[in-house]
Amino acid sequence: MNSITAASMVTKWLPSVAAGWTVNKLGFVSTVKARLGWKGLKADEYVDDGFVFLSTPNIKENEVDFENVNYITEARYLESPEIMLQEGDVLIAKDGSTLGITNVVRQLPRPATVNSSIAVIRPRPEILDSVFLAYFLQSDFFQSVIQRMKGGMGVPHLFQADLRKFELLIPPRSLQSKLADFLDRETARIDELLAKKKRLLQMIEGSMRAEVTIRVTQGLSPGVPLRQTGEDYLGCIPTHWTTPPLYARYSVALGKMLDARQITGAFLLPYLRNVDVQWDRINTDDLPQMDISPEEYDRFLLKRGDLLVCEGGEVGRCGIWSGDLSPCGYQKALHRMRPLHPDEHVRYMFYTLAHVAASGYFAASGSPNTISHLTAEKLRVFRFPKPPLNEQVQISDHLDAFIASLRQTERAIQRAVDLLREYRRALISAAVTGQIDVRTYRKEPETVLEAT
């Protein structure tokens, strides 16, 4: 296993093995199969309906997803009979960042197979319960080996031979089913709580987007007279607001084109990329460098308060430059917006751009046949609301306080999510190693878990 040997790791991991439990290698109690290459299969061979062709995203959730899948022809399905799925098969991702993700086929709604990123483990039913095995492969023991593999050089990969050598801690067959049922019940309860927390996080995000939208387009005063703007992305705005084109309010300039051939090292300066601008978080750590000569400073160096807007990727994602790193340039993948007049409040424009980006109008302004890009020409002609300066400041201050409060709640919920996930992992690991007696186990009171 990439210099990590599973042999005897169970006994090293555990101080003792429970009475009646044995240690055996996975290959002795199951078969391990995987697709041997793609056999020339290409994505353009997928069909609208046929035989299910699972990939790693289909095994990430609590149940195997047989709906959001690709389909292959019967001929392609039949050419690999060793991985035609059966109920009870345990599936494990064996490549890359998803290495070690595990699930079990509890129901097989239609004939299915897997792509080359998934191994199919088929336990001998008289020796090994499939659901118990799936939980064992989710335990801290197995996952710790996976994490060490990910930390090695190159792209991590699990070979079938490695999996067959992997040691399992195996309780009596009748106990395996009890442990599997126990973990199904307890993890379902935890998963239900996690789903509630995730819904709360989604509600918070929705509340923030809604508040930004209503405030940047209608302000803080209820009942103020409104007028139609004629722009779908704005709707109605107060009658005393204006909507001049952006070119009349801000200068808009793309950053410097990166050309490795022209980097001499004589004028090296750090520069920001598209990926460094993540709304209110602009990365300044370990930035790359390129030559920006003194005569280019006015054009390509940033000033405190500059608004940076992503030209591609998540089109319209933006952030305000704090000036913490100076001097610093910016690459062509970013627009730099700088106010032309003192009656512009950059923070208000930041929230306005956030509203328009979230609405999808920046991306929609591109050609439907190409990757979305927000060119400078397109950005300059957008018309955004322009309240009086004092209202821009008030709206921005209100949104800053509103979002800060919700972010605090969001962090508390995320901490609860992390605790629940940790508890889930610990419960699985304890159960599959004999540290829990399911006959006497007393589950955590619901109020304790809810309190997280």
Protein backbone atom coordinates (compact mmCIF):
# COMPACT_ATOMS: atom_id res chain seq x y z
CA MET A 1 0.00 0.00 0.00
CA ASN A 2 2.46 2.64 -1.15
CA SER A 3 4.94 1.56 1.59
CA ILE A 4 2.13 1.30 4.16
CA THR A 5 1.60 -2.34 5.10
CA ALA A 6 -1.75 -3.45 6.49
CA ALA A 7 -0.31 -6.67 7.91
CA SER A 8 -0.67 -6.79 11.69
CA MET A 9 -1.89 -3.17 11.76
CA VAL A 10 -5.14 -4.16 13.47
CA THR A 11 -3.32 -5.67 16.43
CA LYS A 12 -1.00 -2.66 16.58
CA TRP A 13 -3.96 -0.30 16.46
CA LEU A 14 -5.93 -2.07 19.21
CA PRO A 15 -4.45 -3.05 22.56
CA SER A 16 -6.56 -6.21 22.58
CA VAL A 17 -9.09 -8.05 20.44
CA ALA A 18 -12.47 -8.93 21.93
CA ALA A 19 -13.15 -12.57 22.72
CA GLY A 20 -14.53 -14.44 19.72
CA TRP A 21 -13.28 -11.83 17.27
CA THR A 22 -10.70 -12.79 14.65
CA VAL A 23 -8.31 -10.99 12.32
CA ASN A 24 -8.30 -11.92 8.65
CA LYS A 25 -7.28 -10.44 5.34
CA LEU A 26 -9.96 -8.95 3.11
CA GLY A 27 -8.94 -11.16 0.19
CA PHE A 28 -9.57 -14.33 2.22
CA VAL A 29 -13.17 -13.43 3.05
CA SER A 30 -14.23 -11.60 -0.12
CA THR A 31 -13.43 -11.01 -3.75
CA VAL A 32 -12.01 -7.67 -4.88
CA LYS A 33 -12.58 -6.66 -8.50
CA ALA A 34 -12.20 -3.48 -10.53
CA ARG A 35 -12.45 -2.39 -14.14
CA LEU A 36 -9.18 -3.03 -15.91
CA GLY A 37 -8.84 0.23 -17.75
CA TRP A 38 -11.59 1.72 -19.87
CA LYS A 39 -11.29 -0.72 -22.79
CA GLY A 40 -11.51 2.24 -25.11
CA LEU A 41 -14.76 3.51 -23.56
CA LYS A 42 -15.30 7.22 -24.21
CA ALA A 43 -17.85 9.66 -22.85
CA ASP A 44 -19.43 10.05 -26.29
CA GLU A 45 -20.50 6.40 -26.03
CA TYR A 46 -22.85 7.16 -23.15
CA VAL A 47 -26.50 6.57 -24.06
CA ASP A 48 -29.72 8.19 -22.89
CA ASP A 49 -30.92 4.99 -21.27
CA GLY A 50 -29.30 1.63 -20.74
CA PHE A 51 -27.09 0.07 -18.09
CA VAL A 52 -26.11 2.17 -15.07
CA PHE A 53 -22.45 3.23 -15.04
CA LEU A 54 -21.55 4.42 -11.54
CA SER A 55 -18.75 6.87 -10.78
CA THR A 56 -17.37 8.20 -7.49
CA PRO A 57 -20.00 10.97 -7.00
CA ASN A 58 -22.67 8.24 -6.98
CA ILE A 59 -21.25 6.61 -3.84
CA LYS A 60 -20.51 9.71 -1.76
CA GLU A 61 -23.82 9.98 0.06
CA ASN A 62 -25.49 7.71 2.61
CA GLU A 63 -26.98 5.58 -0.16
CA VAL A 64 -25.71 4.70 -3.62
CA ASP A 65 -27.25 7.10 -6.14
CA PHE A 66 -28.69 5.16 -9.08
CA GLU A 67 -30.55 8.16 -10.54
CA ASN A 68 -27.97 10.83 -11.44
CA VAL A 69 -25.84 8.48 -13.50
CA ASN A 70 -24.41 7.85 -16.92
CA TYR A 71 -25.65 4.92 -19.00
CA ILE A 72 -23.75 2.53 -21.25
CA THR A 73 -24.87 -0.01 -23.84
CA GLU A 74 -25.51 -3.68 -23.10
CA ALA A 75 -22.38 -4.64 -25.03
CA ARG A 76 -20.21 -2.42 -22.82
CA TYR A 77 -21.94 -3.76 -19.70
CA LEU A 78 -21.42 -7.41 -20.69
CA GLU A 79 -17.72 -7.05 -21.47
CA SER A 80 -16.85 -6.84 -17.73
CA PRO A 81 -18.95 -9.52 -15.97
CA GLU A 82 -16.70 -9.49 -12.89
CA ILE A 83 -18.01 -6.05 -11.88
CA MET A 84 -21.70 -6.46 -12.71
CA LEU A 85 -23.12 -5.29 -9.40
CA GLN A 86 -25.12 -7.42 -7.00
CA GLU A 87 -26.96 -6.49 -3.82
CA GLY A 88 -24.50 -6.59 -0.94
CA ASP A 89 -21.50 -5.41 -2.96
CA VAL A 90 -19.30 -2.92 -1.13
CA LEU A 91 -17.99 -0.10 -3.32
CA ILE A 92 -14.84 1.86 -2.56
CA ALA A 93 -13.25 4.78 -4.38
CA LYS A 94 -9.67 3.84 -5.20
CA ASP A 95 -8.20 6.94 -6.83
CA GLY A 96 -7.26 10.53 -6.07
CA SER A 97 -8.83 12.87 -3.54
CA THR A 98 -11.91 10.66 -3.06
CA LEU A 99 -9.78 7.64 -2.13
CA GLY A 100 -11.44 5.54 0.57
CA ILE A 101 -15.03 6.73 0.18
CA THR A 102 -17.17 3.65 0.80
CA ASN A 103 -20.78 2.58 0.30
CA VAL A 104 -22.79 -0.62 0.03
CA VAL A 105 -25.35 -1.68 -2.57
CA ARG A 106 -28.40 -2.31 -0.40
CA GLN A 107 -30.83 -2.36 -3.32
CA LEU A 108 -30.14 -2.74 -7.04
CA PRO A 109 -32.98 -1.05 -8.94
CA ARG A 110 -31.53 -1.95 -12.36
CA PRO A 111 -28.43 -3.63 -13.82
CA ALA A 112 -25.33 -1.58 -13.04
CA THR A 113 -21.55 -1.57 -13.22
CA VAL A 114 -18.77 0.83 -12.15
CA ASN A 115 -16.10 2.89 -13.83
CA SER A 116 -12.37 2.44 -13.24
CA SER A 117 -12.30 4.69 -10.13
CA ILE A 118 -14.31 2.21 -8.03
CA ALA A 119 -13.44 -1.25 -6.71
CA VAL A 120 -16.15 -3.83 -6.06
CA ILE A 121 -15.75 -5.90 -2.88
CA ARG A 122 -18.06 -8.93 -2.65
CA PRO A 123 -17.95 -10.59 0.82
CA ARG A 124 -18.50 -14.29 1.33
CA PRO A 125 -21.92 -14.01 3.00
CA GLU A 126 -21.40 -16.92 5.38
CA ILE A 127 -18.33 -15.16 6.84
CA LEU A 128 -18.81 -11.44 6.40
CA ASP A 129 -21.83 -9.11 6.51
CA SER A 130 -21.66 -6.50 3.73
CA VAL A 131 -23.01 -3.63 5.80
CA PHE A 132 -20.64 -4.41 8.67
CA LEU A 133 -17.74 -4.44 6.18
CA ALA A 134 -18.79 -1.08 4.76
CA TYR A 135 -18.80 0.41 8.25
CA PHE A 136 -15.41 -1.15 9.03
CA LEU A 137 -13.97 0.52 5.93
CA GLN A 138 -15.34 3.84 7.22
CA SER A 139 -13.62 3.37 10.59
CA ASP A 140 -10.72 5.47 11.83
CA PHE A 141 -8.40 2.49 11.36
CA PHE A 142 -8.96 2.10 7.63
CA GLN A 143 -9.34 5.82 6.96
CA SER A 144 -6.10 6.62 8.81
CA VAL A 145 -4.25 4.38 6.36
CA ILE A 146 -5.99 6.19 3.49
CA GLN A 147 -5.01 9.60 4.84
CA ARG A 148 -1.37 8.54 5.07
CA MET A 149 -1.52 7.39 1.47
CA LYS A 150 -2.95 10.74 0.43
CA GLY A 151 -0.05 12.47 2.16
CA GLY A 152 2.50 10.57 0.06
CA MET A 153 3.98 11.53 -3.26
CA GLY A 154 1.98 11.40 -6.48
CA VAL A 155 -1.68 10.59 -7.01
CA PRO A 156 -2.82 8.09 -4.35
CA HIS A 157 -4.27 4.84 -5.65
CA LEU A 158 -5.59 1.62 -4.10
CA PHE A 159 -4.68 -1.48 -6.08
CA GLN A 160 -6.79 -4.62 -5.79
CA ALA A 161 -3.75 -6.47 -4.45
CA ASP A 162 -3.40 -3.90 -1.66
CA LEU A 163 -7.05 -4.20 -0.71
CA ARG A 164 -6.87 -7.99 -0.59
CA LYS A 165 -4.00 -7.77 1.92
CA PHE A 166 -5.85 -5.39 4.16
CA GLU A 167 -6.60 -6.79 7.62
CA LEU A 168 -10.12 -6.87 9.02
CA LEU A 169 -11.29 -7.33 12.58
CA ILE A 170 -14.15 -9.84 12.26
CA PRO A 171 -16.67 -10.56 15.03
CA PRO A 172 -18.88 -13.69 15.05
CA ARG A 173 -21.24 -13.67 12.04
CA SER A 174 -24.42 -13.22 14.12
CA LEU A 175 -22.89 -10.24 15.94
CA GLN A 176 -21.92 -8.57 12.65
CA SER A 177 -25.59 -8.23 11.68
CA LYS A 178 -26.46 -6.81 15.10
CA LEU A 179 -23.63 -4.30 14.86
CA ALA A 180 -24.69 -3.34 11.32
CA ASP A 181 -28.31 -2.83 12.44
CA PHE A 182 -27.12 -0.83 15.44
CA LEU A 183 -24.97 1.46 13.30
CA ASP A 184 -27.72 1.85 10.70
CA ARG A 185 -30.08 3.03 13.42
CA GLU A 186 -27.66 5.31 15.25
CA THR A 187 -26.04 6.86 12.17
CA ALA A 188 -29.49 7.50 10.68
CA ARG A 189 -30.37 9.48 13.80
CA ILE A 190 -27.14 11.47 13.54
CA ASP A 191 -27.62 11.98 9.79
CA GLU A 192 -31.10 13.36 10.42
CA LEU A 193 -29.61 15.92 12.81
CA LEU A 194 -26.90 16.75 10.27
CA ALA A 195 -29.56 17.28 7.60
CA LYS A 196 -31.37 19.73 9.90
CA LYS A 197 -28.14 21.66 10.49
CA LYS A 198 -27.44 21.77 6.76
CA ARG A 199 -30.95 23.10 6.11
CA LEU A 200 -30.32 25.82 8.68
CA LEU A 201 -27.08 26.76 6.91
CA GLN A 202 -28.94 26.94 3.59
CA MET A 203 -31.61 29.13 5.19
CA ILE A 204 -28.93 31.48 6.52
CA GLU A 205 -27.33 31.79 3.10
CA GLY A 206 -30.76 32.43 1.59
CA SER A 207 -31.52 35.10 4.20
CA MET A 208 -28.25 36.88 3.49
CA ARG A 209 -28.82 36.87 -0.27
CA ALA A 210 -32.40 38.11 0.16
CA GLU A 211 -31.34 40.91 2.50
CA VAL A 212 -28.59 42.05 0.14
CA THR A 213 -31.01 42.06 -2.80
CA ILE A 214 -33.73 44.08 -1.09
CA ARG A 215 -31.32 46.62 0.43
CA VAL A 216 -29.15 47.37 -2.62
CA THR A 217 -32.25 47.77 -4.80
CA GLN A 218 -34.77 49.39 -2.42
CA GLY A 219 -32.78 50.79 0.49
CA LEU A 220 -33.67 50.92 4.18
CA SER A 221 -36.80 53.06 4.19
CA PRO A 222 -40.07 51.11 4.00
CA GLY A 223 -42.79 52.62 1.88
CA VAL A 224 -40.45 54.75 -0.22
CA PRO A 225 -41.89 55.46 -3.71
CA LEU A 226 -40.47 53.08 -6.32
CA ARG A 227 -40.05 53.10 -10.07
CA GLN A 228 -39.28 50.46 -12.67
CA THR A 229 -35.69 50.43 -13.94
CA GLY A 230 -36.31 48.37 -17.06
CA GLU A 231 -33.49 46.03 -16.01
CA ASP A 232 -34.44 42.47 -15.01
CA TYR A 233 -31.56 42.25 -12.55
CA LEU A 234 -32.75 45.37 -10.69
CA GLY A 235 -36.53 45.50 -10.83
CA CYS A 236 -37.83 48.53 -8.93
CA ILE A 237 -35.69 51.11 -7.14
CA PRO A 238 -36.56 54.29 -5.17
CA THR A 239 -37.60 57.14 -7.43
CA HIS A 240 -34.78 59.41 -6.20
CA TRP A 241 -32.05 56.88 -7.10
CA THR A 242 -30.32 56.93 -10.48
CA THR A 243 -28.83 54.20 -12.68
CA PRO A 244 -25.94 55.67 -14.67
CA PRO A 245 -23.76 53.26 -16.66
CA LEU A 246 -20.78 51.94 -14.75
CA TYR A 247 -18.27 53.69 -17.03
CA ALA A 248 -19.58 57.02 -15.71
CA ARG A 249 -18.92 55.95 -12.11
CA TYR A 250 -15.81 53.72 -12.04
CA SER A 251 -12.73 53.11 -14.10
CA VAL A 252 -12.57 49.46 -15.15
CA ALA A 253 -9.27 47.85 -16.15
CA LEU A 254 -8.09 44.27 -16.59
CA GLY A 255 -4.80 43.23 -15.02
CA LYS A 256 -1.53 42.35 -16.71
CA MET A 257 -1.30 39.38 -19.03
CA LEU A 258 1.01 36.73 -17.58
CA ASP A 259 3.73 35.84 -20.07
CA ALA A 260 6.40 33.59 -18.60
CA ARG A 261 8.72 34.36 -21.51
CA GLN A 262 8.86 38.01 -20.51
CA ILE A 263 9.68 37.43 -16.83
CA THR A 264 13.29 38.54 -16.40
CA GLY A 265 13.29 38.82 -12.62
CA ALA A 266 14.29 42.48 -12.77
CA PHE A 267 10.97 43.85 -11.50
CA LEU A 268 9.34 40.93 -9.72
CA LEU A 269 6.23 41.77 -7.69
CA PRO A 270 3.45 39.58 -6.26
CA TYR A 271 0.15 39.55 -8.11
CA LEU A 272 -3.41 38.39 -7.46
CA ARG A 273 -5.15 35.74 -9.53
CA ASN A 274 -8.85 35.01 -10.01
CA VAL A 275 -8.70 32.27 -7.38
CA ASP A 276 -7.26 34.65 -4.77
CA VAL A 277 -10.39 36.82 -4.75
CA GLN A 278 -13.07 35.06 -2.69
CA TRP A 279 -15.57 37.77 -1.73
CA ASP A 280 -14.49 39.19 1.62
CA ARG A 281 -11.43 36.94 1.73
CA ILE A 282 -8.57 37.94 -0.55
CA ASN A 283 -5.58 35.65 -0.31
CA THR A 284 -2.17 37.31 0.10
CA ASP A 285 -0.17 34.24 1.13
CA ASP A 286 2.44 32.71 -1.19
CA LEU A 287 1.37 34.73 -4.21
CA PRO A 288 3.17 34.13 -7.51
CA GLN A 289 5.29 36.90 -9.00
CA MET A 290 5.78 38.51 -12.37
CA ASP A 291 7.65 41.50 -13.70
CA ILE A 292 5.84 44.82 -13.33
CA SER A 293 8.16 47.63 -14.29
CA PRO A 294 7.97 51.13 -12.67
CA GLU A 295 6.37 52.63 -15.78
CA GLU A 296 3.54 50.08 -15.38
CA TYR A 297 2.81 50.85 -11.72
CA ASP A 298 -0.10 53.22 -12.35
CA ARG A 299 -1.74 50.63 -14.59
CA PHE A 300 -1.15 47.36 -12.75
CA LEU A 301 -0.59 48.08 -9.05
CA LEU A 302 -3.48 48.02 -6.61
CA LYS A 303 -4.56 50.78 -4.24
CA ARG A 304 -6.40 50.38 -0.98
CA GLY A 305 -10.13 50.34 -1.68
CA ASP A 306 -9.90 48.96 -5.23
CA LEU A 307 -12.74 46.62 -6.08
CA LEU A 308 -11.57 43.43 -7.79
CA VAL A 309 -14.04 41.51 -9.97
CA CYS A 310 -13.50 38.05 -11.44
CA GLU A 311 -13.66 38.05 -15.23
CA GLY A 312 -14.21 34.27 -15.49
CA GLY A 313 -14.87 31.24 -13.31
CA GLU A 314 -17.50 32.34 -10.80
CA VAL A 315 -18.22 35.37 -12.94
CA GLY A 316 -18.63 38.56 -10.91
CA ARG A 317 -17.12 37.23 -7.67
CA CYS A 318 -15.47 40.26 -6.11
CA GLY A 319 -13.57 41.63 -3.15
CA ILE A 320 -12.22 44.92 -1.84
CA TRP A 321 -8.44 45.29 -1.68
CA SER A 322 -7.35 46.16 1.85
CA GLY A 323 -3.84 47.24 0.93
CA ASP A 324 -2.28 44.89 3.50
CA LEU A 325 0.30 43.76 0.94
CA SER A 326 2.01 46.56 -0.96
CA PRO A 327 3.08 46.74 -3.69
CA CYS A 328 0.87 44.14 -5.32
CA GLY A 329 -0.33 43.70 -8.89
CA TYR A 330 -3.20 41.79 -10.45
CA GLN A 331 -3.53 39.43 -13.39
CA LYS A 332 -5.68 39.75 -16.48
CA ALA A 333 -8.29 37.39 -15.02
CA LEU A 334 -9.40 40.26 -12.74
CA HIS A 335 -11.05 43.61 -13.33
CA ARG A 336 -9.93 46.48 -11.12
CA MET A 337 -12.72 48.96 -10.41
CA ARG A 338 -11.78 52.37 -8.97
CA PRO A 339 -14.28 55.17 -8.20
CA LEU A 340 -14.16 58.22 -10.47
CA HIS A 341 -16.07 60.47 -8.06
CA PRO A 342 -16.19 61.01 -4.27
CA ASP A 343 -19.93 60.19 -4.12
CA GLU A 344 -19.23 56.49 -4.65
CA HIS A 345 -19.05 54.10 -1.69
CA VAL A 346 -17.10 51.00 -2.76
CA ARG A 347 -18.68 48.78 -0.12
CA TYR A 348 -22.15 49.50 -1.50
CA MET A 349 -20.95 48.63 -5.00
CA PHE A 350 -19.46 45.40 -3.61
CA TYR A 351 -22.90 44.37 -2.32
CA THR A 352 -24.54 45.41 -5.58
CA LEU A 353 -22.17 43.24 -7.58
CA ALA A 354 -22.78 40.38 -5.14
CA HIS A 355 -26.52 40.64 -5.80
CA VAL A 356 -26.12 40.67 -9.58
CA ALA A 357 -23.58 37.81 -9.54
CA ALA A 358 -25.83 35.66 -7.32
CA SER A 359 -28.73 36.32 -9.69
CA GLY A 360 -26.71 34.90 -12.58
CA TYR A 361 -26.96 37.97 -14.81
CA PHE A 362 -23.21 38.39 -15.24
CA ALA A 363 -22.87 34.82 -16.50
CA ALA A 364 -26.01 35.18 -18.63
CA SER A 365 -24.51 38.21 -20.40
CA GLY A 366 -21.96 35.95 -22.11
CA SER A 367 -22.38 33.89 -25.25
CA PRO A 368 -24.37 30.67 -24.66
CA ASN A 369 -21.86 28.77 -26.81
CA THR A 370 -18.72 29.73 -24.88
CA ILE A 371 -17.41 29.66 -21.34
CA SER A 372 -18.82 32.60 -19.38
CA HIS A 373 -16.60 35.66 -19.30
CA LEU A 374 -17.37 39.15 -18.08
CA THR A 375 -15.45 41.38 -20.45
CA ALA A 376 -14.56 44.95 -19.55
CA GLU A 377 -16.80 46.17 -22.38
CA LYS A 378 -19.81 44.35 -20.93
CA LEU A 379 -19.08 45.37 -17.35
CA ARG A 380 -18.73 49.05 -18.18
CA VAL A 381 -22.21 49.33 -19.69
CA PHE A 382 -24.06 47.67 -16.81
CA ARG A 383 -26.40 50.03 -14.99
CA PHE A 384 -26.51 49.64 -11.22
CA PRO A 385 -28.52 51.60 -8.64
CA LYS A 386 -26.87 54.74 -7.33
CA PRO A 387 -28.41 56.08 -4.12
CA PRO A 388 -27.13 59.30 -2.56
CA LEU A 389 -23.78 58.75 -0.81
CA ASN A 390 -25.25 58.86 2.70
CA GLU A 391 -27.70 56.08 1.78
CA GLN A 392 -24.93 53.99 0.23
CA VAL A 393 -23.03 54.18 3.51
CA GLN A 394 -26.11 53.39 5.62
CA ILE A 395 -27.05 50.40 3.45
CA SER A 396 -23.49 49.05 3.58
CA ASP A 397 -23.27 49.46 7.36
CA HIS A 398 -26.62 47.73 7.79
CA LEU A 399 -25.60 44.80 5.59
CA ASP A 400 -22.22 44.49 7.31
CA ALA A 401 -23.92 44.19 10.72
CA PHE A 402 -26.70 41.90 9.46
CA ILE A 403 -24.29 39.50 7.76
CA ALA A 404 -21.82 39.53 10.67
CA SER A 405 -24.61 38.42 13.00
CA LEU A 406 -25.68 35.60 10.68
CA ARG A 407 -22.08 34.54 10.13
CA GLN A 408 -21.69 34.13 13.88
CA THR A 409 -24.74 31.87 13.95
CA GLU A 410 -23.43 30.05 10.90
CA ARG A 411 -20.11 29.36 12.63
CA ALA A 412 -21.90 27.95 15.67
CA ILE A 413 -23.97 25.63 13.46
CA GLN A 414 -20.88 24.55 11.54
CA ARG A 415 -19.16 23.69 14.82
CA ALA A 416 -22.18 21.54 15.67
CA VAL A 417 -21.94 19.84 12.28
CA ASP A 418 -18.26 19.09 12.88
CA LEU A 419 -19.01 17.65 16.33
CA LEU A 420 -21.78 15.46 14.97
CA ARG A 421 -19.52 14.13 12.22
CA GLU A 422 -16.80 13.45 14.76
CA TYR A 423 -19.28 11.65 17.01
CA ARG A 424 -20.50 9.59 14.04
CA ARG A 425 -16.95 8.53 13.14
CA ALA A 426 -16.12 7.67 16.74
CA LEU A 427 -19.30 5.63 17.12
CA ILE A 428 -18.58 3.61 13.97
CA SER A 429 -14.97 2.98 14.99
CA ALA A 430 -15.96 1.90 18.49
CA ALA A 431 -18.68 -0.45 17.23
CA VAL A 432 -16.61 -2.24 14.58
CA THR A 433 -13.74 -2.84 17.02
CA GLY A 434 -15.81 -4.35 19.82
CA GLN A 435 -15.62 -1.36 22.15
CA ILE A 436 -19.43 -1.09 22.32
CA ASP A 437 -21.76 -3.76 23.63
CA VAL A 438 -24.89 -3.16 21.57
CA ARG A 439 -26.98 -5.03 24.14
CA THR A 440 -26.22 -2.54 26.91
CA TYR A 441 -25.43 0.57 24.87
CA ARG A 442 -27.35 3.66 25.93
CA LYS A 443 -27.59 6.18 23.18
CA GLU A 444 -26.82 9.82 23.70
CA PRO A 445 -29.95 11.67 24.84
CA GLU A 446 -31.54 13.45 21.89
CA THR A 447 -31.21 16.74 23.73
CA VAL A 448 -27.43 16.31 24.00
CA LEU A 449 -27.04 15.83 20.26
CA GLU A 450 -29.51 18.60 19.49
CA ALA A 451 -27.53 20.93 21.77
CA THR A 452 -24.56 20.58 19.43
